[in-house]
Amino acid sequence: MTKILNIVASPRGDASQSSKLAQAYLEAATRKDPSLIVDTIELWKEDLPEFDGDKAAAKMTFFGVGEMGASQQSAWDQVVAITSRFMDADIYVLSVPMWNGGVPYKLKQYIDTITQPGLLFGFDPEAGYSGLLEGKKAVVFYTAGVWAPGADKKYGSDFQSEYLAWWLDFVGVKDVKDVRFQPSLLTADPERDQEAAIAKAIDLTRDIT
């Protein structure tokens, strides 16, 4: 049974353009395969833990720095619980608006919490880093108000999709597709552009089964 983890990075609810695209995809996917399980994480409603000193210290023990004491173990157990929910999914759906050229800080906090040695990545002094997720897929919905691929530098830079593409590859997710509605504001026909993005989102469900 295929499980989708729907990660909502926008706080704007029904007004979010990226969430509209993701929702169109999810609705089409579940119509195609009613057995799909969709688990939704709304990052702005989640009680994400601070990645504080104990969690950082626990992480460093995997690199041979320090020891895992009781407080570090308790902090690490929190991380494992959150990360296990992520690891249990087969397909990741991420709706991601561009914020100041990058991703919303709640998404970055989530990524920093779950991207841990022995869970999402491994490390060898000779071979370097290796992603531990295998056979996973991701569909990412990118939106931006004025930035667009190939736009002049005066409209900003893309630390949004470049960062997420790097991170997904880093943890081992190689099958990644994306849909862009960029720009969503600085465009001659926003309604038609949105419709085209939604149509592309629905078309991607052909790979569900």
C-alpha atoms as a PDB file:
ATOM      1  CA  MET A   1       0.000   0.000   0.000  1.00  0.00           C
ATOM      2  CA  THR A   2       1.528   3.293  -1.129  1.00  0.00           C
ATOM      3  CA  LYS A   3       1.870   6.070   1.430  1.00  0.00           C
ATOM      4  CA  ILE A   4       2.167   9.743   0.497  1.00  0.00           C
ATOM      5  CA  LEU A   5       3.574  12.286   2.924  1.00  0.00           C
ATOM      6  CA  ASN A   6       2.100  15.681   2.039  1.00  0.00           C
ATOM      7  CA  ILE A   7       4.398  18.366   3.452  1.00  0.00           C
ATOM      8  CA  VAL A   8       2.745  21.789   3.470  1.00  0.00           C
ATOM      9  CA  ALA A   9       5.311  24.578   3.779  1.00  0.00           C
ATOM     10  CA  SER A  10       2.982  27.560   3.326  1.00  0.00           C
ATOM     11  CA  PRO A  11       1.035  29.130   6.233  1.00  0.00           C
ATOM     12  CA  ARG A  12      -1.558  30.675   3.879  1.00  0.00           C
ATOM     13  CA  GLY A  13      -4.095  27.837   3.886  1.00  0.00           C
ATOM     14  CA  ASP A  14      -6.566  27.939   0.991  1.00  0.00           C
ATOM     15  CA  ALA A  15      -4.914  31.118  -0.334  1.00  0.00           C
ATOM     16  CA  SER A  16      -1.625  29.309  -0.951  1.00  0.00           C
ATOM     17  CA  GLN A  17      -0.828  28.799  -4.619  1.00  0.00           C
ATOM     18  CA  SER A  18       1.644  25.984  -3.936  1.00  0.00           C
ATOM     19  CA  SER A  19      -0.901  24.162  -1.767  1.00  0.00           C
ATOM     20  CA  LYS A  20      -3.529  24.442  -4.524  1.00  0.00           C
ATOM     21  CA  LEU A  21      -1.198  22.645  -6.916  1.00  0.00           C
ATOM     22  CA  ALA A  22      -0.387  19.934  -4.389  1.00  0.00           C
ATOM     23  CA  GLN A  23      -4.066  19.467  -3.573  1.00  0.00           C
ATOM     24  CA  ALA A  24      -4.927  19.039  -7.265  1.00  0.00           C
ATOM     25  CA  TYR A  25      -2.246  16.364  -7.501  1.00  0.00           C
ATOM     26  CA  LEU A  26      -3.425  14.560  -4.365  1.00  0.00           C
ATOM     27  CA  GLU A  27      -7.079  14.598  -5.389  1.00  0.00           C
ATOM     28  CA  ALA A  28      -6.250  13.207  -8.830  1.00  0.00           C
ATOM     29  CA  ALA A  29      -3.925  10.590  -7.327  1.00  0.00           C
ATOM     30  CA  THR A  30      -6.485   9.303  -4.841  1.00  0.00           C
ATOM     31  CA  ARG A  31      -9.152   9.166  -7.554  1.00  0.00           C
ATOM     32  CA  LYS A  32      -6.800   7.044  -9.611  1.00  0.00           C
ATOM     33  CA  ASP A  33      -5.823   4.819  -6.699  1.00  0.00           C
ATOM     34  CA  PRO A  34      -8.262   4.947  -3.755  1.00  0.00           C
ATOM     35  CA  SER A  35      -5.949   2.695  -1.712  1.00  0.00           C
ATOM     36  CA  LEU A  36      -3.373   5.489  -1.378  1.00  0.00           C
ATOM     37  CA  ILE A  37      -2.711   6.674   2.150  1.00  0.00           C
ATOM     38  CA  VAL A  38      -2.137  10.421   2.463  1.00  0.00           C
ATOM     39  CA  ASP A  39      -0.473  11.702   5.635  1.00  0.00           C
ATOM     40  CA  THR A  40      -0.398  15.504   5.789  1.00  0.00           C
ATOM     41  CA  ILE A  41       2.088  17.570   7.780  1.00  0.00           C
ATOM     42  CA  GLU A  42       1.164  21.238   7.993  1.00  0.00           C
ATOM     43  CA  LEU A  43       4.476  22.585   9.212  1.00  0.00           C
ATOM     44  CA  TRP A  44       2.983  25.791  10.641  1.00  0.00           C
ATOM     45  CA  LYS A  45       0.685  23.744  12.866  1.00  0.00           C
ATOM     46  CA  GLU A  46       3.280  21.174  13.931  1.00  0.00           C
ATOM     47  CA  ASP A  47       5.087  21.451  17.243  1.00  0.00           C
ATOM     48  CA  LEU A  48       8.536  21.147  15.722  1.00  0.00           C
ATOM     49  CA  PRO A  49      11.286  20.930  18.338  1.00  0.00           C
ATOM     50  CA  GLU A  50      14.150  23.359  18.460  1.00  0.00           C
ATOM     51  CA  PHE A  51      17.360  21.695  17.312  1.00  0.00           C
ATOM     52  CA  ASP A  52      19.089  22.687  20.510  1.00  0.00           C
ATOM     53  CA  GLY A  53      22.369  21.812  22.195  1.00  0.00           C
ATOM     54  CA  ASP A  54      21.358  18.319  23.327  1.00  0.00           C
ATOM     55  CA  LYS A  55      20.167  17.364  19.845  1.00  0.00           C
ATOM     56  CA  ALA A  56      23.308  18.752  18.257  1.00  0.00           C
ATOM     57  CA  ALA A  57      25.442  16.901  20.813  1.00  0.00           C
ATOM     58  CA  ALA A  58      23.550  13.655  20.153  1.00  0.00           C
ATOM     59  CA  LYS A  59      24.104  14.070  16.414  1.00  0.00           C
ATOM     60  CA  MET A  60      27.839  14.592  16.867  1.00  0.00           C
ATOM     61  CA  THR A  61      28.215  11.274  18.708  1.00  0.00           C
ATOM     62  CA  PHE A  62      27.656   9.567  15.348  1.00  0.00           C
ATOM     63  CA  PHE A  63      30.830  11.288  14.169  1.00  0.00           C
ATOM     64  CA  GLY A  64      32.757  10.129  17.230  1.00  0.00           C
ATOM     65  CA  VAL A  65      32.435  13.374  19.160  1.00  0.00           C
ATOM     66  CA  GLY A  66      31.269  13.077  22.783  1.00  0.00           C
ATOM     67  CA  GLU A  67      28.970  10.483  24.344  1.00  0.00           C
ATOM     68  CA  MET A  68      25.225   9.893  24.281  1.00  0.00           C
ATOM     69  CA  GLY A  69      24.112  10.734  27.822  1.00  0.00           C
ATOM     70  CA  ALA A  70      20.559  10.576  29.166  1.00  0.00           C
ATOM     71  CA  SER A  71      19.598  14.100  28.118  1.00  0.00           C
ATOM     72  CA  GLN A  72      21.110  13.615  24.661  1.00  0.00           C
ATOM     73  CA  GLN A  73      19.305  10.296  24.242  1.00  0.00           C
ATOM     74  CA  SER A  74      15.984  11.861  25.194  1.00  0.00           C
ATOM     75  CA  ALA A  75      16.565  14.646  22.665  1.00  0.00           C
ATOM     76  CA  TRP A  76      17.559  12.114  20.001  1.00  0.00           C
ATOM     77  CA  ASP A  77      14.403  10.077  20.621  1.00  0.00           C
ATOM     78  CA  GLN A  78      12.394  13.164  19.670  1.00  0.00           C
ATOM     79  CA  VAL A  79      14.295  13.447  16.415  1.00  0.00           C
ATOM     80  CA  VAL A  80      13.833   9.755  15.620  1.00  0.00           C
ATOM     81  CA  ALA A  81      10.071   9.942  16.206  1.00  0.00           C
ATOM     82  CA  ILE A  82       9.677  12.828  13.748  1.00  0.00           C
ATOM     83  CA  THR A  83      12.052  11.316  11.211  1.00  0.00           C
ATOM     84  CA  SER A  84      10.367   7.896  11.303  1.00  0.00           C
ATOM     85  CA  ARG A  85       7.146   9.479  10.042  1.00  0.00           C
ATOM     86  CA  PHE A  86       9.100  10.857   7.101  1.00  0.00           C
ATOM     87  CA  MET A  87      10.924   7.599   6.409  1.00  0.00           C
ATOM     88  CA  ASP A  88       7.682   5.591   6.399  1.00  0.00           C
ATOM     89  CA  ALA A  89       6.402   7.360   3.276  1.00  0.00           C
ATOM     90  CA  ASP A  90       6.868   6.144  -0.293  1.00  0.00           C
ATOM     91  CA  ILE A  91       6.144   9.457  -2.043  1.00  0.00           C
ATOM     92  CA  TYR A  92       6.877  12.953  -0.768  1.00  0.00           C
ATOM     93  CA  VAL A  93       4.655  15.807  -1.930  1.00  0.00           C
ATOM     94  CA  LEU A  94       6.064  19.214  -1.025  1.00  0.00           C
ATOM     95  CA  SER A  95       4.251  22.503  -1.614  1.00  0.00           C
ATOM     96  CA  VAL A  96       6.877  25.209  -1.348  1.00  0.00           C
ATOM     97  CA  PRO A  97       6.480  28.957  -1.874  1.00  0.00           C
ATOM     98  CA  MET A  98       9.598  31.048  -2.413  1.00  0.00           C
ATOM     99  CA  TRP A  99      10.483  33.226   0.566  1.00  0.00           C
ATOM    100  CA  ASN A 100      13.273  35.753   0.077  1.00  0.00           C
ATOM    101  CA  GLY A 101      14.850  33.636  -2.625  1.00  0.00           C
ATOM    102  CA  GLY A 102      14.722  30.472  -0.496  1.00  0.00           C
ATOM    103  CA  VAL A 103      12.300  28.232   1.384  1.00  0.00           C
ATOM    104  CA  PRO A 104      10.063  29.107   4.364  1.00  0.00           C
ATOM    105  CA  TYR A 105      11.941  28.778   7.632  1.00  0.00           C
ATOM    106  CA  LYS A 106       9.526  26.179   8.987  1.00  0.00           C
ATOM    107  CA  LEU A 107      10.489  23.862   6.138  1.00  0.00           C
ATOM    108  CA  LYS A 108      14.168  24.497   6.809  1.00  0.00           C
ATOM    109  CA  GLN A 109      13.607  23.723  10.504  1.00  0.00           C
ATOM    110  CA  TYR A 110      11.888  20.458   9.561  1.00  0.00           C
ATOM    111  CA  ILE A 111      14.685  19.503   7.178  1.00  0.00           C
ATOM    112  CA  ASP A 112      17.330  20.323   9.792  1.00  0.00           C
ATOM    113  CA  THR A 113      15.483  18.125  12.305  1.00  0.00           C
ATOM    114  CA  ILE A 114      15.148  15.015  10.146  1.00  0.00           C
ATOM    115  CA  THR A 115      18.416  15.115   8.178  1.00  0.00           C
ATOM    116  CA  GLN A 116      20.438  13.030  10.587  1.00  0.00           C
ATOM    117  CA  PRO A 117      23.251  10.452  10.346  1.00  0.00           C
ATOM    118  CA  GLY A 118      22.073   6.867  10.462  1.00  0.00           C
ATOM    119  CA  LEU A 119      18.543   7.959   9.596  1.00  0.00           C
ATOM    120  CA  LEU A 120      18.576   9.832   6.285  1.00  0.00           C
ATOM    121  CA  PHE A 121      22.264   9.769   5.444  1.00  0.00           C
ATOM    122  CA  GLY A 122      25.439   7.869   6.120  1.00  0.00           C
ATOM    123  CA  PHE A 123      29.022   9.047   6.237  1.00  0.00           C
ATOM    124  CA  ASP A 124      32.351   7.392   5.549  1.00  0.00           C
ATOM    125  CA  PRO A 125      35.640   9.291   5.822  1.00  0.00           C
ATOM    126  CA  GLU A 126      36.776   7.870   2.495  1.00  0.00           C
ATOM    127  CA  ALA A 127      33.509   7.663   0.520  1.00  0.00           C
ATOM    128  CA  GLY A 128      31.902  10.762   2.043  1.00  0.00           C
ATOM    129  CA  TYR A 129      28.136  11.193   2.417  1.00  0.00           C
ATOM    130  CA  SER A 130      25.535   8.757   1.117  1.00  0.00           C
ATOM    131  CA  GLY A 131      21.741   8.985   1.120  1.00  0.00           C
ATOM    132  CA  LEU A 132      19.951   6.194   2.965  1.00  0.00           C
ATOM    133  CA  LEU A 133      16.505   6.538   1.388  1.00  0.00           C
ATOM    134  CA  GLU A 134      15.977   4.077  -1.458  1.00  0.00           C
ATOM    135  CA  GLY A 135      13.083   3.671  -3.860  1.00  0.00           C
ATOM    136  CA  LYS A 136      11.379   6.882  -2.756  1.00  0.00           C
ATOM    137  CA  LYS A 137       9.786   9.479  -5.031  1.00  0.00           C
ATOM    138  CA  ALA A 138       9.144  13.181  -4.607  1.00  0.00           C
ATOM    139  CA  VAL A 139       6.867  15.673  -6.319  1.00  0.00           C
ATOM    140  CA  VAL A 140       7.601  19.310  -5.512  1.00  0.00           C
ATOM    141  CA  PHE A 141       5.317  22.248  -6.235  1.00  0.00           C
ATOM    142  CA  TYR A 142       7.209  25.525  -6.487  1.00  0.00           C
ATOM    143  CA  THR A 143       5.622  28.963  -6.536  1.00  0.00           C
ATOM    144  CA  ALA A 144       7.045  32.478  -6.502  1.00  0.00           C
ATOM    145  CA  GLY A 145       5.479  35.906  -6.709  1.00  0.00           C
ATOM    146  CA  VAL A 146       7.790  37.572  -9.220  1.00  0.00           C
ATOM    147  CA  TRP A 147      10.773  35.262  -9.781  1.00  0.00           C
ATOM    148  CA  ALA A 148      10.775  32.899 -12.774  1.00  0.00           C
ATOM    149  CA  PRO A 149      13.362  30.557 -14.302  1.00  0.00           C
ATOM    150  CA  GLY A 150      15.647  32.607 -16.519  1.00  0.00           C
ATOM    151  CA  ALA A 151      14.455  35.924 -15.088  1.00  0.00           C
ATOM    152  CA  ASP A 152      16.792  38.882 -14.849  1.00  0.00           C
ATOM    153  CA  LYS A 153      18.748  39.103 -11.582  1.00  0.00           C
ATOM    154  CA  LYS A 154      16.715  42.155 -10.606  1.00  0.00           C
ATOM    155  CA  TYR A 155      13.833  39.749  -9.881  1.00  0.00           C
ATOM    156  CA  GLY A 156      15.869  37.675  -7.441  1.00  0.00           C
ATOM    157  CA  SER A 157      17.705  34.351  -7.330  1.00  0.00           C
ATOM    158  CA  ASP A 158      16.692  30.723  -6.858  1.00  0.00           C
ATOM    159  CA  PHE A 159      17.863  29.290  -3.550  1.00  0.00           C
ATOM    160  CA  GLN A 160      14.489  27.512  -3.358  1.00  0.00           C
ATOM    161  CA  SER A 161      14.497  24.710  -5.929  1.00  0.00           C
ATOM    162  CA  GLU A 162      18.291  24.457  -6.046  1.00  0.00           C
ATOM    163  CA  TYR A 163      18.408  23.827  -2.303  1.00  0.00           C
ATOM    164  CA  LEU A 164      15.575  21.289  -2.285  1.00  0.00           C
ATOM    165  CA  ALA A 165      16.975  19.443  -5.310  1.00  0.00           C
ATOM    166  CA  TRP A 166      20.321  19.184  -3.512  1.00  0.00           C
ATOM    167  CA  TRP A 167      18.712  18.010  -0.260  1.00  0.00           C
ATOM    168  CA  LEU A 168      16.514  15.343  -1.852  1.00  0.00           C
ATOM    169  CA  ASP A 169      19.520  13.969  -3.711  1.00  0.00           C
ATOM    170  CA  PHE A 170      21.606  14.130  -0.524  1.00  0.00           C
ATOM    171  CA  VAL A 171      19.185  11.878   1.390  1.00  0.00           C
ATOM    172  CA  GLY A 172      18.823   9.450  -1.520  1.00  0.00           C
ATOM    173  CA  VAL A 173      15.599  10.510  -3.252  1.00  0.00           C
ATOM    174  CA  LYS A 174      16.509  10.315  -6.928  1.00  0.00           C
ATOM    175  CA  ASP A 175      13.072  10.200  -8.596  1.00  0.00           C
ATOM    176  CA  VAL A 176      12.025  13.850  -8.315  1.00  0.00           C
ATOM    177  CA  LYS A 177       9.505  15.744 -10.428  1.00  0.00           C
ATOM    178  CA  ASP A 178       8.389  19.329 -10.050  1.00  0.00           C
ATOM    179  CA  VAL A 179       5.690  21.743 -11.131  1.00  0.00           C
ATOM    180  CA  ARG A 180       6.279  25.496 -11.190  1.00  0.00           C
ATOM    181  CA  PHE A 181       3.854  28.385 -11.038  1.00  0.00           C
ATOM    182  CA  GLN A 182       6.499  31.077 -11.276  1.00  0.00           C
ATOM    183  CA  PRO A 183       5.768  33.921 -11.341  1.00  0.00           C
ATOM    184  CA  SER A 184       2.268  33.910  -9.889  1.00  0.00           C
ATOM    185  CA  LEU A 185       1.948  37.714  -9.725  1.00  0.00           C
ATOM    186  CA  LEU A 186       4.137  39.217 -12.431  1.00  0.00           C
ATOM    187  CA  THR A 187       2.434  37.465 -15.349  1.00  0.00           C
ATOM    188  CA  ALA A 188       0.097  38.589 -18.118  1.00  0.00           C
ATOM    189  CA  ASP A 189      -2.446  35.838 -17.495  1.00  0.00           C
ATOM    190  CA  PRO A 190      -2.177  34.413 -13.955  1.00  0.00           C
ATOM    191  CA  GLU A 191      -5.396  32.393 -14.224  1.00  0.00           C
ATOM    192  CA  ARG A 192      -4.298  30.587 -17.374  1.00  0.00           C
ATOM    193  CA  ASP A 193      -0.801  30.019 -15.963  1.00  0.00           C
ATOM    194  CA  GLN A 194      -2.331  28.560 -12.806  1.00  0.00           C
ATOM    195  CA  GLU A 195      -4.593  26.296 -14.853  1.00  0.00           C
ATOM    196  CA  ALA A 196      -1.591  25.061 -16.827  1.00  0.00           C
ATOM    197  CA  ALA A 197       0.310  24.301 -13.613  1.00  0.00           C
ATOM    198  CA  ILE A 198      -2.685  22.431 -12.188  1.00  0.00           C
ATOM    199  CA  ALA A 199      -3.009  20.418 -15.408  1.00  0.00           C
ATOM    200  CA  LYS A 200       0.663  19.463 -15.170  1.00  0.00           C
ATOM    201  CA  ALA A 201       0.199  18.477 -11.525  1.00  0.00           C
ATOM    202  CA  ILE A 202      -2.698  16.188 -12.442  1.00  0.00           C
ATOM    203  CA  ASP A 203      -0.722  14.708 -15.347  1.00  0.00           C
ATOM    204  CA  LEU A 204       2.064  13.657 -12.989  1.00  0.00           C
ATOM    205  CA  THR A 205      -0.296  11.203 -11.274  1.00  0.00           C
ATOM    206  CA  ARG A 206       0.203   8.871 -14.238  1.00  0.00           C
ATOM    207  CA  ASP A 207       3.303   7.620 -12.379  1.00  0.00           C
ATOM    208  CA  ILE A 208       1.400   6.716  -9.213  1.00  0.00           C
ATOM    209  CA  THR A 209       0.828   3.112 -10.275  1.00  0.00           C
END
